[in-house]
Every structure is written in structure tokens, then in C-alpha cells.
Amino acid sequence: MALMAETNLLNRKAKAEEMETLLDKYIPAVEAMRTKLKKYDRVYKELSDENTA
């Protein structure tokens, strides 16, 4: 958000490249976290079902 706030007509190309670099790192990290959370959610549901039984 700070990068977007600092962007103006004179530096928009440089800031766009900077944002692209940040997103290239951010998106894979988010996907990895999402995968891990799915695993935790599955195990949590299994344990909840087991405890209920």
C-alpha cells in the first residue's frame, strides 16, 4: 500500500517494477500458507469428529 501511495506520474514505471517484485515473492508464500492451513483444517475436523464420537 505504501508503494502505491508513493507512486506518481514521474516514477510509476519504477514503482510498478518494485510492486511486481514484491508480488512475485508474496503470492507463492500465500499459496504455501493456504496449503498448510488446509492440512491443519482437515486434521482439526478429524480430531473434532473423533472427540465427538
N, C-alpha and C. Protein backbone atom coordinates (compact mmCIF):
# COMPACT_ATOMS: atom_id res chain seq x y z
N MET A 1 0.83 -1.19 0.00
CA MET A 1 0.00 0.00 0.00
C MET A 1 0.88 1.25 0.00
N ALA A 2 1.98 1.19 0.72
CA ALA A 2 2.87 2.34 0.77
C ALA A 2 3.45 2.62 -0.61
N LEU A 3 3.79 1.55 -1.34
CA LEU A 3 4.31 1.74 -2.70
C LEU A 3 3.29 2.42 -3.59
N MET A 4 2.06 2.02 -3.47
CA MET A 4 1.01 2.62 -4.29
C MET A 4 0.81 4.08 -3.92
N ALA A 5 0.91 4.40 -2.65
CA ALA A 5 0.74 5.78 -2.20
C ALA A 5 1.87 6.67 -2.69
N GLU A 6 3.06 6.10 -2.83
CA GLU A 6 4.22 6.87 -3.27
C GLU A 6 4.31 7.00 -4.79
N THR A 7 3.47 6.29 -5.50
CA THR A 7 3.52 6.29 -6.96
C THR A 7 2.90 7.56 -7.53
N ASN A 8 3.61 8.14 -8.50
CA ASN A 8 3.07 9.30 -9.21
C ASN A 8 3.43 9.17 -10.69
N LEU A 9 3.09 10.16 -11.48
CA LEU A 9 3.33 10.07 -12.92
C LEU A 9 4.81 9.96 -13.28
N LEU A 10 5.67 10.52 -12.46
CA LEU A 10 7.10 10.54 -12.77
C LEU A 10 7.81 9.23 -12.43
N ASN A 11 7.31 8.49 -11.45
CA ASN A 11 8.02 7.28 -11.04
C ASN A 11 7.17 6.01 -11.18
N ARG A 12 6.09 6.07 -11.93
CA ARG A 12 5.16 4.95 -11.99
C ARG A 12 5.78 3.68 -12.55
N LYS A 13 6.67 3.79 -13.52
CA LYS A 13 7.28 2.58 -14.10
C LYS A 13 8.18 1.90 -13.07
N ALA A 14 8.99 2.67 -12.39
CA ALA A 14 9.89 2.10 -11.37
C ALA A 14 9.09 1.48 -10.23
N LYS A 15 8.03 2.16 -9.81
CA LYS A 15 7.20 1.64 -8.71
C LYS A 15 6.45 0.39 -9.15
N ALA A 16 6.02 0.34 -10.42
CA ALA A 16 5.33 -0.85 -10.92
C ALA A 16 6.27 -2.05 -10.91
N GLU A 17 7.52 -1.84 -11.28
CA GLU A 17 8.50 -2.92 -11.25
C GLU A 17 8.77 -3.37 -9.82
N GLU A 18 8.80 -2.42 -8.91
CA GLU A 18 9.01 -2.72 -7.50
C GLU A 18 7.83 -3.54 -6.95
N MET A 19 6.62 -3.15 -7.32
CA MET A 19 5.44 -3.90 -6.88
C MET A 19 5.42 -5.30 -7.47
N GLU A 20 5.85 -5.44 -8.72
CA GLU A 20 5.90 -6.75 -9.36
C GLU A 20 6.86 -7.67 -8.62
N THR A 21 8.00 -7.14 -8.23
CA THR A 21 8.97 -7.92 -7.46
C THR A 21 8.38 -8.37 -6.13
N LEU A 22 7.69 -7.46 -5.45
CA LEU A 22 7.06 -7.80 -4.18
C LEU A 22 6.00 -8.88 -4.36
N LEU A 23 5.18 -8.74 -5.38
CA LEU A 23 4.11 -9.72 -5.60
C LEU A 23 4.66 -11.08 -6.01
N ASP A 24 5.76 -11.10 -6.73
CA ASP A 24 6.38 -12.37 -7.11
C ASP A 24 6.83 -13.15 -5.88
N LYS A 25 7.16 -12.46 -4.81
CA LYS A 25 7.53 -13.13 -3.56
C LYS A 25 6.29 -13.44 -2.72
N TYR A 26 5.33 -12.55 -2.72
CA TYR A 26 4.16 -12.64 -1.85
C TYR A 26 3.21 -13.76 -2.25
N ILE A 27 2.92 -13.87 -3.53
CA ILE A 27 1.91 -14.83 -4.00
C ILE A 27 2.30 -16.28 -3.69
N PRO A 28 3.52 -16.73 -3.97
CA PRO A 28 3.87 -18.10 -3.60
C PRO A 28 3.83 -18.35 -2.09
N ALA A 29 4.19 -17.34 -1.31
CA ALA A 29 4.15 -17.50 0.14
C ALA A 29 2.71 -17.66 0.63
N VAL A 30 1.80 -16.92 0.04
CA VAL A 30 0.39 -17.03 0.41
C VAL A 30 -0.15 -18.40 0.02
N GLU A 31 0.22 -18.88 -1.14
CA GLU A 31 -0.25 -20.20 -1.58
C GLU A 31 0.28 -21.29 -0.67
N ALA A 32 1.53 -21.19 -0.25
CA ALA A 32 2.10 -22.18 0.68
C ALA A 32 1.37 -22.14 2.02
N MET A 33 1.05 -20.95 2.51
CA MET A 33 0.33 -20.83 3.76
C MET A 33 -1.08 -21.41 3.62
N ARG A 34 -1.71 -21.17 2.49
CA ARG A 34 -3.06 -21.69 2.25
C ARG A 34 -3.06 -23.22 2.27
N THR A 35 -2.06 -23.82 1.64
CA THR A 35 -1.93 -25.28 1.62
C THR A 35 -1.75 -25.82 3.04
N LYS A 36 -0.91 -25.16 3.81
CA LYS A 36 -0.67 -25.59 5.19
C LYS A 36 -1.95 -25.47 6.03
N LEU A 37 -2.69 -24.39 5.85
CA LEU A 37 -3.92 -24.20 6.60
C LEU A 37 -4.97 -25.23 6.24
N LYS A 38 -5.01 -25.65 4.99
CA LYS A 38 -5.95 -26.71 4.59
C LYS A 38 -5.64 -28.01 5.32
N LYS A 39 -4.34 -28.32 5.45
CA LYS A 39 -3.94 -29.52 6.16
C LYS A 39 -4.35 -29.44 7.63
N TYR A 40 -4.09 -28.28 8.26
CA TYR A 40 -4.48 -28.10 9.66
C TYR A 40 -5.99 -28.20 9.83
N ASP A 41 -6.73 -27.63 8.90
CA ASP A 41 -8.19 -27.68 8.98
C ASP A 41 -8.69 -29.11 8.88
N ARG A 42 -8.10 -29.89 7.98
CA ARG A 42 -8.50 -31.29 7.83
C ARG A 42 -8.25 -32.06 9.12
N VAL A 43 -7.07 -31.90 9.69
CA VAL A 43 -6.73 -32.60 10.93
C VAL A 43 -7.62 -32.14 12.07
N TYR A 44 -7.90 -30.85 12.14
CA TYR A 44 -8.79 -30.32 13.19
C TYR A 44 -10.18 -30.95 13.08
N LYS A 45 -10.70 -31.05 11.88
CA LYS A 45 -12.03 -31.66 11.69
C LYS A 45 -12.01 -33.13 12.09
N GLU A 46 -10.95 -33.85 11.71
CA GLU A 46 -10.83 -35.25 12.07
C GLU A 46 -10.81 -35.42 13.60
N LEU A 47 -10.03 -34.59 14.28
CA LEU A 47 -9.94 -34.69 15.74
C LEU A 47 -11.27 -34.29 16.40
N SER A 48 -11.92 -33.28 15.86
CA SER A 48 -13.23 -32.88 16.40
C SER A 48 -14.24 -34.01 16.26
N ASP A 49 -14.27 -34.64 15.10
CA ASP A 49 -15.18 -35.76 14.88
C ASP A 49 -14.86 -36.91 15.83
N GLU A 50 -13.56 -37.17 16.00
CA GLU A 50 -13.14 -38.25 16.90
C GLU A 50 -13.54 -37.96 18.34
N ASN A 51 -13.36 -36.71 18.76
CA ASN A 51 -13.74 -36.33 20.13
C ASN A 51 -15.25 -36.40 20.32
N THR A 52 -16.00 -36.04 19.31
CA THR A 52 -17.46 -36.08 19.40
C THR A 52 -17.92 -37.53 19.55
N ALA A 53 -17.29 -38.43 18.81
CA ALA A 53 -17.66 -39.85 18.87
C ALA A 53 -17.24 -40.39 20.22
